[in-house]
């Protein structure tokens, strides 16, 4: 009798944009990041990002995963955006008059939601890459929510979009780099190459929370992208700042490259919804902690 064939499990795919959320504190460490995302979840459920739009973390689940023998907590749930309407100045198209309309309390229309996953060990916040909720809206929400209750006296924070490595490489490989503007902050012990670590250590030694620099070439007409200075600033800017470059491309034309226009889109494969945060966690920890999961 022939053996029954095993049913092939179909893989699903999601893509995520991400932010590097950094806490500058002399008193709190990794555990503070879980407190931070819990605070964002517990802020008043209406955080306005514009006159008529607001956002919230609608749900939050905290799970614990083991990576290389060490336990780490991960928070995930739904990020929601909705419309905030006023009771006043409603137009009645029948009577052609303005009137007051008493809305149901705490009820808001036009809601759109996506998944979010926050990994305190790497302080990275990921959310589904979708037209439903934009990068700009999410960044505005995180800034307002964190600044409301998440920061203690004597602390500061930064939120930086994770940008495409291909865009950084494009700048480095450009035939001519005419100018470069960068805004960078030091990292929280992220892993990088020698140029990355050089600039990162300079910033840490100087206790520079954030700096902006503009580079222009001398008589040679182009910045040396092989130098540790230029390469290091660009590599740090990818997840700890931003860069704007003016280059002469392969076609001999001047081109402006703004790295924040090219967010990194992380692909995650999974089978069941419960696997999604776990698979993203393993992928991110492998990249940022330079290790492989063993459990």
C-alpha atoms as a PDB file:
ATOM      1  CA  UNK A   1       0.000   0.000   0.000  1.00  0.00           C
ATOM      2  CA  UNK A   2       1.430   3.339  -1.048  1.00  0.00           C
ATOM      3  CA  UNK A   3       2.196   5.846   1.666  1.00  0.00           C
ATOM      4  CA  UNK A   4       0.021   8.918   1.763  1.00  0.00           C
ATOM      5  CA  UNK A   5       1.979  11.902   0.564  1.00  0.00           C
ATOM      6  CA  UNK A   6       2.464  14.740   2.989  1.00  0.00           C
ATOM      7  CA  UNK A   7       0.508  17.849   2.189  1.00  0.00           C
ATOM      8  CA  UNK A   8       2.852  20.618   1.165  1.00  0.00           C
ATOM      9  CA  UNK A   9       2.580  23.633   3.451  1.00  0.00           C
ATOM     10  CA  UNK A  10       2.188  26.773   1.419  1.00  0.00           C
ATOM     11  CA  UNK A  11       4.449  29.638   2.420  1.00  0.00           C
ATOM     12  CA  UNK A  12       3.129  33.151   2.788  1.00  0.00           C
ATOM     13  CA  UNK A  13       5.149  36.317   2.260  1.00  0.00           C
ATOM     14  CA  UNK A  14       4.939  39.722   3.925  1.00  0.00           C
ATOM     15  CA  UNK A  15       7.088  42.810   3.461  1.00  0.00           C
ATOM     16  CA  UNK A  16       7.906  45.271   6.221  1.00  0.00           C
ATOM     17  CA  UNK A  17       9.285  48.773   6.542  1.00  0.00           C
ATOM     18  CA  UNK A  18      11.255  49.467   9.687  1.00  0.00           C
ATOM     19  CA  UNK A  19      12.378  52.156  12.108  1.00  0.00           C
ATOM     20  CA  UNK A  20      15.359  52.126  14.404  1.00  0.00           C
ATOM     21  CA  UNK A  21      14.043  53.514  17.708  1.00  0.00           C
ATOM     22  CA  UNK A  22      16.886  54.513  19.999  1.00  0.00           C
ATOM     23  CA  UNK A  23      16.768  55.507  23.629  1.00  0.00           C
ATOM     24  CA  UNK A  24      19.597  57.683  24.919  1.00  0.00           C
ATOM     25  CA  UNK A  25      19.773  56.986  28.644  1.00  0.00           C
ATOM     26  CA  UNK A  26      22.406  56.557  31.347  1.00  0.00           C
ATOM     27  CA  UNK A  27      20.083  54.550  33.581  1.00  0.00           C
ATOM     28  CA  UNK A  28      18.014  52.205  31.386  1.00  0.00           C
ATOM     29  CA  UNK A  29      19.115  49.380  29.071  1.00  0.00           C
ATOM     30  CA  UNK A  30      17.471  46.807  26.761  1.00  0.00           C
ATOM     31  CA  UNK A  31      14.592  46.180  29.151  1.00  0.00           C
ATOM     32  CA  UNK A  32      13.557  49.806  28.716  1.00  0.00           C
ATOM     33  CA  UNK A  33      12.562  49.179  25.100  1.00  0.00           C
ATOM     34  CA  UNK A  34       9.798  46.795  26.112  1.00  0.00           C
ATOM     35  CA  UNK A  35       8.586  49.407  28.592  1.00  0.00           C
ATOM     36  CA  UNK A  36       8.721  51.951  25.770  1.00  0.00           C
ATOM     37  CA  UNK A  37       6.486  49.983  23.388  1.00  0.00           C
ATOM     38  CA  UNK A  38       4.077  49.220  26.224  1.00  0.00           C
ATOM     39  CA  UNK A  39       3.894  52.931  26.907  1.00  0.00           C
ATOM     40  CA  UNK A  40       3.123  53.614  23.241  1.00  0.00           C
ATOM     41  CA  UNK A  41       0.322  51.043  23.452  1.00  0.00           C
ATOM     42  CA  UNK A  42      -1.088  52.602  26.620  1.00  0.00           C
ATOM     43  CA  UNK A  43      -1.002  56.271  25.620  1.00  0.00           C
ATOM     44  CA  UNK A  44      -4.457  57.792  25.036  1.00  0.00           C
ATOM     45  CA  UNK A  45      -6.015  55.796  22.202  1.00  0.00           C
ATOM     46  CA  UNK A  46      -6.169  58.847  19.970  1.00  0.00           C
ATOM     47  CA  UNK A  47      -2.783  60.226  18.907  1.00  0.00           C
ATOM     48  CA  UNK A  48      -3.448  62.817  16.213  1.00  0.00           C
ATOM     49  CA  UNK A  49      -0.987  62.912  13.323  1.00  0.00           C
ATOM     50  CA  UNK A  50      -2.886  65.606  11.395  1.00  0.00           C
ATOM     51  CA  UNK A  51      -6.040  67.687  11.767  1.00  0.00           C
ATOM     52  CA  UNK A  52      -8.352  64.804  10.884  1.00  0.00           C
ATOM     53  CA  UNK A  53      -6.191  61.679  11.213  1.00  0.00           C
ATOM     54  CA  UNK A  54      -5.071  59.748  14.273  1.00  0.00           C
ATOM     55  CA  UNK A  55      -3.285  56.477  14.973  1.00  0.00           C
ATOM     56  CA  UNK A  56      -2.896  53.925  17.744  1.00  0.00           C
ATOM     57  CA  UNK A  57      -1.536  50.509  18.548  1.00  0.00           C
ATOM     58  CA  UNK A  58      -4.881  48.705  18.596  1.00  0.00           C
ATOM     59  CA  UNK A  59      -3.537  45.499  20.103  1.00  0.00           C
ATOM     60  CA  UNK A  60      -0.334  44.223  21.682  1.00  0.00           C
ATOM     61  CA  UNK A  61       0.861  40.705  22.391  1.00  0.00           C
ATOM     62  CA  UNK A  62       4.175  40.002  24.133  1.00  0.00           C
ATOM     63  CA  UNK A  63       5.883  36.673  23.477  1.00  0.00           C
ATOM     64  CA  UNK A  64       9.254  35.259  24.458  1.00  0.00           C
ATOM     65  CA  UNK A  65      11.645  33.619  22.018  1.00  0.00           C
ATOM     66  CA  UNK A  66      14.979  31.914  22.641  1.00  0.00           C
ATOM     67  CA  UNK A  67      17.906  32.872  20.433  1.00  0.00           C
ATOM     68  CA  UNK A  68      21.313  31.280  21.049  1.00  0.00           C
ATOM     69  CA  UNK A  69      20.346  30.257  24.546  1.00  0.00           C
ATOM     70  CA  UNK A  70      19.096  33.683  25.607  1.00  0.00           C
ATOM     71  CA  UNK A  71      15.447  34.645  26.014  1.00  0.00           C
ATOM     72  CA  UNK A  72      14.128  37.790  24.360  1.00  0.00           C
ATOM     73  CA  UNK A  73      10.671  39.325  24.423  1.00  0.00           C
ATOM     74  CA  UNK A  74       8.932  40.554  21.279  1.00  0.00           C
ATOM     75  CA  UNK A  75       5.797  42.703  21.025  1.00  0.00           C
ATOM     76  CA  UNK A  76       3.428  42.500  18.082  1.00  0.00           C
ATOM     77  CA  UNK A  77      -0.115  43.481  17.153  1.00  0.00           C
ATOM     78  CA  UNK A  78      -2.128  45.815  14.948  1.00  0.00           C
ATOM     79  CA  UNK A  79      -1.234  49.406  14.041  1.00  0.00           C
ATOM     80  CA  UNK A  80      -4.345  51.381  13.084  1.00  0.00           C
ATOM     81  CA  UNK A  81      -5.044  54.730  11.418  1.00  0.00           C
ATOM     82  CA  UNK A  82      -8.501  56.367  11.415  1.00  0.00           C
ATOM     83  CA  UNK A  83     -10.356  59.618  10.811  1.00  0.00           C
ATOM     84  CA  UNK A  84     -11.271  61.996  13.624  1.00  0.00           C
ATOM     85  CA  UNK A  85     -14.492  63.902  12.982  1.00  0.00           C
ATOM     86  CA  UNK A  86     -15.850  66.972  14.750  1.00  0.00           C
ATOM     87  CA  UNK A  87     -19.446  67.231  15.940  1.00  0.00           C
ATOM     88  CA  UNK A  88     -19.711  70.749  14.524  1.00  0.00           C
ATOM     89  CA  UNK A  89     -20.245  72.143  11.013  1.00  0.00           C
ATOM     90  CA  UNK A  90     -21.891  69.170   9.318  1.00  0.00           C
ATOM     91  CA  UNK A  91     -23.541  70.092   6.016  1.00  0.00           C
ATOM     92  CA  UNK A  92     -27.112  68.960   5.389  1.00  0.00           C
ATOM     93  CA  UNK A  93     -27.450  68.725   1.602  1.00  0.00           C
ATOM     94  CA  UNK A  94     -31.261  68.662   1.852  1.00  0.00           C
ATOM     95  CA  UNK A  95     -31.735  71.820   3.925  1.00  0.00           C
ATOM     96  CA  UNK A  96     -28.440  73.330   2.728  1.00  0.00           C
ATOM     97  CA  UNK A  97     -27.604  74.280   6.286  1.00  0.00           C
ATOM     98  CA  UNK A  98     -24.711  73.691   8.625  1.00  0.00           C
ATOM     99  CA  UNK A  99     -25.615  71.852  11.792  1.00  0.00           C
ATOM    100  CA  UNK A 100     -24.187  69.933  14.721  1.00  0.00           C
ATOM    101  CA  UNK A 101     -24.202  66.145  14.560  1.00  0.00           C
ATOM    102  CA  UNK A 102     -23.621  64.246  17.794  1.00  0.00           C
ATOM    103  CA  UNK A 103     -21.253  61.416  16.931  1.00  0.00           C
ATOM    104  CA  UNK A 104     -21.134  58.144  18.856  1.00  0.00           C
ATOM    105  CA  UNK A 105     -18.518  58.511  21.567  1.00  0.00           C
ATOM    106  CA  UNK A 106     -15.017  57.245  20.795  1.00  0.00           C
ATOM    107  CA  UNK A 107     -16.055  55.900  17.379  1.00  0.00           C
ATOM    108  CA  UNK A 108     -14.061  56.814  14.282  1.00  0.00           C
ATOM    109  CA  UNK A 109     -14.531  55.973  10.584  1.00  0.00           C
ATOM    110  CA  UNK A 110     -12.171  55.046   7.739  1.00  0.00           C
ATOM    111  CA  UNK A 111      -9.990  52.767   9.823  1.00  0.00           C
ATOM    112  CA  UNK A 112      -7.074  50.989   8.181  1.00  0.00           C
ATOM    113  CA  UNK A 113      -4.712  48.631   9.971  1.00  0.00           C
ATOM    114  CA  UNK A 114      -1.515  46.678   9.407  1.00  0.00           C
ATOM    115  CA  UNK A 115       0.705  44.350  11.438  1.00  0.00           C
ATOM    116  CA  UNK A 116       3.544  45.667  13.564  1.00  0.00           C
ATOM    117  CA  UNK A 117       6.373  43.801  15.281  1.00  0.00           C
ATOM    118  CA  UNK A 118       8.795  45.378  17.756  1.00  0.00           C
ATOM    119  CA  UNK A 119      12.043  43.669  18.760  1.00  0.00           C
ATOM    120  CA  UNK A 120      13.475  45.271  21.933  1.00  0.00           C
ATOM    121  CA  UNK A 121      16.817  43.431  21.626  1.00  0.00           C
ATOM    122  CA  UNK A 122      17.560  45.394  18.425  1.00  0.00           C
ATOM    123  CA  UNK A 123      15.098  48.255  19.119  1.00  0.00           C
ATOM    124  CA  UNK A 124      13.623  47.859  15.623  1.00  0.00           C
ATOM    125  CA  UNK A 125       9.963  48.592  14.911  1.00  0.00           C
ATOM    126  CA  UNK A 126       8.573  46.942  11.788  1.00  0.00           C
ATOM    127  CA  UNK A 127       5.173  47.429  10.158  1.00  0.00           C
ATOM    128  CA  UNK A 128       3.580  46.007   7.022  1.00  0.00           C
ATOM    129  CA  UNK A 129       4.640  47.752   3.830  1.00  0.00           C
ATOM    130  CA  UNK A 130       1.234  48.799   2.522  1.00  0.00           C
ATOM    131  CA  UNK A 131      -0.639  51.716   1.013  1.00  0.00           C
ATOM    132  CA  UNK A 132      -2.956  51.600   4.030  1.00  0.00           C
ATOM    133  CA  UNK A 133      -0.555  53.353   6.409  1.00  0.00           C
ATOM    134  CA  UNK A 134       2.401  55.396   5.202  1.00  0.00           C
ATOM    135  CA  UNK A 135       5.933  55.641   6.517  1.00  0.00           C
ATOM    136  CA  UNK A 136       5.442  59.358   7.209  1.00  0.00           C
ATOM    137  CA  UNK A 137       2.272  58.762   9.219  1.00  0.00           C
ATOM    138  CA  UNK A 138       3.869  55.981  11.252  1.00  0.00           C
ATOM    139  CA  UNK A 139       6.926  58.075  12.062  1.00  0.00           C
ATOM    140  CA  UNK A 140       4.729  60.983  13.174  1.00  0.00           C
ATOM    141  CA  UNK A 141       2.701  58.647  15.384  1.00  0.00           C
ATOM    142  CA  UNK A 142       5.773  57.108  17.025  1.00  0.00           C
ATOM    143  CA  UNK A 143       7.307  60.528  17.726  1.00  0.00           C
ATOM    144  CA  UNK A 144       4.138  61.851  19.351  1.00  0.00           C
ATOM    145  CA  UNK A 145       3.420  58.705  21.329  1.00  0.00           C
ATOM    146  CA  UNK A 146       6.977  58.327  22.649  1.00  0.00           C
ATOM    147  CA  UNK A 147       7.443  61.989  23.483  1.00  0.00           C
ATOM    148  CA  UNK A 148       4.113  62.034  25.361  1.00  0.00           C
ATOM    149  CA  UNK A 149       4.960  59.495  28.078  1.00  0.00           C
ATOM    150  CA  UNK A 150       7.846  57.310  26.994  1.00  0.00           C
ATOM    151  CA  UNK A 151      10.810  59.485  27.944  1.00  0.00           C
ATOM    152  CA  UNK A 152      11.993  60.159  31.469  1.00  0.00           C
ATOM    153  CA  UNK A 153      13.921  63.183  32.741  1.00  0.00           C
ATOM    154  CA  UNK A 154      17.499  63.211  31.489  1.00  0.00           C
ATOM    155  CA  UNK A 155      16.727  60.946  28.523  1.00  0.00           C
ATOM    156  CA  UNK A 156      16.365  61.508  24.803  1.00  0.00           C
ATOM    157  CA  UNK A 157      15.365  59.365  21.865  1.00  0.00           C
ATOM    158  CA  UNK A 158      15.693  59.117  18.088  1.00  0.00           C
ATOM    159  CA  UNK A 159      13.599  57.474  15.362  1.00  0.00           C
ATOM    160  CA  UNK A 160      15.376  56.636  12.109  1.00  0.00           C
ATOM    161  CA  UNK A 161      13.983  55.028   8.980  1.00  0.00           C
ATOM    162  CA  UNK A 162      15.871  51.918   7.850  1.00  0.00           C
ATOM    163  CA  UNK A 163      16.943  52.759   4.314  1.00  0.00           C
ATOM    164  CA  UNK A 164      17.919  50.593   1.363  1.00  0.00           C
ATOM    165  CA  UNK A 165      21.483  49.284   1.342  1.00  0.00           C
ATOM    166  CA  UNK A 166      21.311  49.332  -2.469  1.00  0.00           C
ATOM    167  CA  UNK A 167      20.882  53.111  -2.361  1.00  0.00           C
ATOM    168  CA  UNK A 168      23.901  53.525  -0.079  1.00  0.00           C
ATOM    169  CA  UNK A 169      25.896  51.299  -2.432  1.00  0.00           C
ATOM    170  CA  UNK A 170      24.717  53.347  -5.413  1.00  0.00           C
ATOM    171  CA  UNK A 171      26.169  56.498  -3.846  1.00  0.00           C
ATOM    172  CA  UNK A 172      29.432  54.768  -2.946  1.00  0.00           C
ATOM    173  CA  UNK A 173      29.794  53.345  -6.466  1.00  0.00           C
ATOM    174  CA  UNK A 174      28.858  56.532  -8.299  1.00  0.00           C
ATOM    175  CA  UNK A 175      31.552  57.690 -10.781  1.00  0.00           C
ATOM    176  CA  UNK A 176      31.530  61.201  -9.294  1.00  0.00           C
ATOM    177  CA  UNK A 177      30.204  62.288  -5.900  1.00  0.00           C
ATOM    178  CA  UNK A 178      29.808  66.073  -6.127  1.00  0.00           C
ATOM    179  CA  UNK A 179      28.407  66.672  -2.648  1.00  0.00           C
ATOM    180  CA  UNK A 180      27.093  64.806   0.355  1.00  0.00           C
ATOM    181  CA  UNK A 181      24.911  65.911   3.250  1.00  0.00           C
ATOM    182  CA  UNK A 182      24.490  63.504   6.141  1.00  0.00           C
ATOM    183  CA  UNK A 183      22.673  63.562   9.458  1.00  0.00           C
ATOM    184  CA  UNK A 184      23.804  60.801  11.793  1.00  0.00           C
ATOM    185  CA  UNK A 185      23.600  59.566  15.350  1.00  0.00           C
ATOM    186  CA  UNK A 186      25.756  56.935  16.995  1.00  0.00           C
ATOM    187  CA  UNK A 187      24.417  53.405  17.185  1.00  0.00           C
ATOM    188  CA  UNK A 188      23.517  51.123  20.070  1.00  0.00           C
ATOM    189  CA  UNK A 189      26.303  48.651  19.307  1.00  0.00           C
ATOM    190  CA  UNK A 190      25.085  47.622  15.870  1.00  0.00           C
ATOM    191  CA  UNK A 191      27.462  45.586  13.748  1.00  0.00           C
ATOM    192  CA  UNK A 192      29.166  47.147  10.742  1.00  0.00           C
ATOM    193  CA  UNK A 193      32.398  47.198   8.778  1.00  0.00           C
ATOM    194  CA  UNK A 194      35.561  49.013   9.871  1.00  0.00           C
ATOM    195  CA  UNK A 195      34.525  52.349   8.344  1.00  0.00           C
ATOM    196  CA  UNK A 196      31.133  52.118  10.060  1.00  0.00           C
ATOM    197  CA  UNK A 197      32.711  51.332  13.425  1.00  0.00           C
ATOM    198  CA  UNK A 198      35.253  54.151  13.042  1.00  0.00           C
ATOM    199  CA  UNK A 199      32.633  56.880  12.592  1.00  0.00           C
ATOM    200  CA  UNK A 200      30.350  55.314  15.172  1.00  0.00           C
ATOM    201  CA  UNK A 201      33.133  55.319  17.779  1.00  0.00           C
ATOM    202  CA  UNK A 202      34.042  58.950  16.995  1.00  0.00           C
ATOM    203  CA  UNK A 203      30.433  59.963  17.691  1.00  0.00           C
ATOM    204  CA  UNK A 204      30.232  57.948  20.903  1.00  0.00           C
ATOM    205  CA  UNK A 205      33.565  59.258  22.213  1.00  0.00           C
ATOM    206  CA  UNK A 206      32.424  62.828  21.600  1.00  0.00           C
ATOM    207  CA  UNK A 207      28.983  62.114  23.146  1.00  0.00           C
ATOM    208  CA  UNK A 208      27.361  63.456  19.984  1.00  0.00           C
ATOM    209  CA  UNK A 209      23.647  62.691  20.023  1.00  0.00           C
ATOM    210  CA  UNK A 210      23.202  63.857  16.446  1.00  0.00           C
ATOM    211  CA  UNK A 211      25.268  65.767  13.923  1.00  0.00           C
ATOM    212  CA  UNK A 212      24.784  67.175  10.428  1.00  0.00           C
ATOM    213  CA  UNK A 213      27.687  67.470   8.017  1.00  0.00           C
ATOM    214  CA  UNK A 214      28.144  68.655   4.433  1.00  0.00           C
ATOM    215  CA  UNK A 215      31.010  67.382   2.300  1.00  0.00           C
ATOM    216  CA  UNK A 216      32.204  68.989  -0.948  1.00  0.00           C
ATOM    217  CA  UNK A 217      35.235  67.979  -3.029  1.00  0.00           C
ATOM    218  CA  UNK A 218      38.491  69.866  -3.404  1.00  0.00           C
ATOM    219  CA  UNK A 219      40.264  70.467  -6.734  1.00  0.00           C
ATOM    220  CA  UNK A 220      39.835  66.802  -7.631  1.00  0.00           C
ATOM    221  CA  UNK A 221      36.150  67.451  -8.286  1.00  0.00           C
ATOM    222  CA  UNK A 222      34.832  64.350  -6.529  1.00  0.00           C
ATOM    223  CA  UNK A 223      34.668  63.029  -3.005  1.00  0.00           C
ATOM    224  CA  UNK A 224      36.608  59.831  -2.401  1.00  0.00           C
ATOM    225  CA  UNK A 225      33.933  57.240  -1.621  1.00  0.00           C
ATOM    226  CA  UNK A 226      36.631  54.682  -0.791  1.00  0.00           C
ATOM    227  CA  UNK A 227      37.717  56.745   2.201  1.00  0.00           C
ATOM    228  CA  UNK A 228      36.714  55.561   5.662  1.00  0.00           C
ATOM    229  CA  UNK A 229      35.233  58.992   6.378  1.00  0.00           C
ATOM    230  CA  UNK A 230      32.736  59.109   3.508  1.00  0.00           C
ATOM    231  CA  UNK A 231      31.935  55.399   3.520  1.00  0.00           C
ATOM    232  CA  UNK A 232      31.581  55.327   7.298  1.00  0.00           C
ATOM    233  CA  UNK A 233      29.181  58.267   7.413  1.00  0.00           C
ATOM    234  CA  UNK A 234      27.039  56.711   4.695  1.00  0.00           C
ATOM    235  CA  UNK A 235      26.903  53.325   6.399  1.00  0.00           C
ATOM    236  CA  UNK A 236      25.961  54.849   9.751  1.00  0.00           C
ATOM    237  CA  UNK A 237      23.328  57.057   8.078  1.00  0.00           C
ATOM    238  CA  UNK A 238      21.511  54.046   6.632  1.00  0.00           C
ATOM    239  CA  UNK A 239      19.812  53.204   9.945  1.00  0.00           C
ATOM    240  CA  UNK A 240      20.942  56.019  12.198  1.00  0.00           C
ATOM    241  CA  UNK A 241      20.215  59.125  10.155  1.00  0.00           C
ATOM    242  CA  UNK A 242      19.828  60.113   6.521  1.00  0.00           C
ATOM    243  CA  UNK A 243      21.910  61.199   3.535  1.00  0.00           C
ATOM    244  CA  UNK A 244      21.460  63.393   0.478  1.00  0.00           C
ATOM    245  CA  UNK A 245      23.945  63.052  -2.370  1.00  0.00           C
ATOM    246  CA  UNK A 246      24.565  64.823  -5.657  1.00  0.00           C
ATOM    247  CA  UNK A 247      26.276  62.443  -8.077  1.00  0.00           C
ATOM    248  CA  UNK A 248      27.227  62.107 -11.704  1.00  0.00           C
ATOM    249  CA  UNK A 249      25.769  58.760 -12.683  1.00  0.00           C
ATOM    250  CA  UNK A 250      26.896  56.150 -15.208  1.00  0.00           C
ATOM    251  CA  UNK A 251      25.061  58.015 -17.981  1.00  0.00           C
ATOM    252  CA  UNK A 252      27.069  61.172 -17.218  1.00  0.00           C
ATOM    253  CA  UNK A 253      24.048  62.989 -15.812  1.00  0.00           C
ATOM    254  CA  UNK A 254      23.760  64.768 -12.489  1.00  0.00           C
ATOM    255  CA  UNK A 255      21.434  62.942 -10.113  1.00  0.00           C
ATOM    256  CA  UNK A 256      20.158  63.779  -6.636  1.00  0.00           C
ATOM    257  CA  UNK A 257      19.755  60.824  -4.280  1.00  0.00           C
ATOM    258  CA  UNK A 258      17.838  61.210  -1.020  1.00  0.00           C
ATOM    259  CA  UNK A 259      18.204  57.978   0.935  1.00  0.00           C
ATOM    260  CA  UNK A 260      14.953  58.361   2.886  1.00  0.00           C
ATOM    261  CA  UNK A 261      13.089  58.109  -0.430  1.00  0.00           C
ATOM    262  CA  UNK A 262      14.309  54.510  -0.632  1.00  0.00           C
ATOM    263  CA  UNK A 263      13.203  52.617   2.482  1.00  0.00           C
ATOM    264  CA  UNK A 264      14.417  49.106   3.044  1.00  0.00           C
ATOM    265  CA  UNK A 265      11.662  46.560   2.428  1.00  0.00           C
ATOM    266  CA  UNK A 266      12.276  43.413   4.459  1.00  0.00           C
ATOM    267  CA  UNK A 267      10.798  40.186   3.104  1.00  0.00           C
ATOM    268  CA  UNK A 268       9.527  37.621   5.614  1.00  0.00           C
ATOM    269  CA  UNK A 269       8.276  34.138   4.735  1.00  0.00           C
ATOM    270  CA  UNK A 270       6.024  32.205   7.099  1.00  0.00           C
ATOM    271  CA  UNK A 271       3.362  29.485   7.120  1.00  0.00           C
ATOM    272  CA  UNK A 272       1.001  30.452   9.936  1.00  0.00           C
ATOM    273  CA  UNK A 273       0.331  33.905  11.365  1.00  0.00           C
ATOM    274  CA  UNK A 274       1.969  32.872  14.644  1.00  0.00           C
ATOM    275  CA  UNK A 275       5.187  32.172  12.722  1.00  0.00           C
ATOM    276  CA  UNK A 276       5.408  35.709  11.365  1.00  0.00           C
ATOM    277  CA  UNK A 277       6.850  37.495  14.444  1.00  0.00           C
ATOM    278  CA  UNK A 278       9.124  34.512  15.180  1.00  0.00           C
ATOM    279  CA  UNK A 279      10.539  34.385  11.650  1.00  0.00           C
ATOM    280  CA  UNK A 280      11.090  38.131  11.556  1.00  0.00           C
ATOM    281  CA  UNK A 281      12.749  37.987  14.982  1.00  0.00           C
ATOM    282  CA  UNK A 282      15.179  35.243  13.866  1.00  0.00           C
ATOM    283  CA  UNK A 283      15.990  37.120  10.657  1.00  0.00           C
ATOM    284  CA  UNK A 284      16.640  40.416  12.433  1.00  0.00           C
ATOM    285  CA  UNK A 285      18.670  38.909  15.276  1.00  0.00           C
ATOM    286  CA  UNK A 286      20.821  37.001  12.771  1.00  0.00           C
ATOM    287  CA  UNK A 287      21.577  40.236  10.935  1.00  0.00           C
ATOM    288  CA  UNK A 288      22.096  42.644  13.807  1.00  0.00           C
ATOM    289  CA  UNK A 289      23.716  40.328  16.322  1.00  0.00           C
ATOM    290  CA  UNK A 290      25.775  38.486  13.676  1.00  0.00           C
ATOM    291  CA  UNK A 291      24.770  35.062  14.974  1.00  0.00           C
ATOM    292  CA  UNK A 292      22.681  32.096  13.862  1.00  0.00           C
ATOM    293  CA  UNK A 293      19.675  30.825  15.831  1.00  0.00           C
ATOM    294  CA  UNK A 294      20.088  27.414  17.424  1.00  0.00           C
ATOM    295  CA  UNK A 295      16.748  27.069  19.152  1.00  0.00           C
END
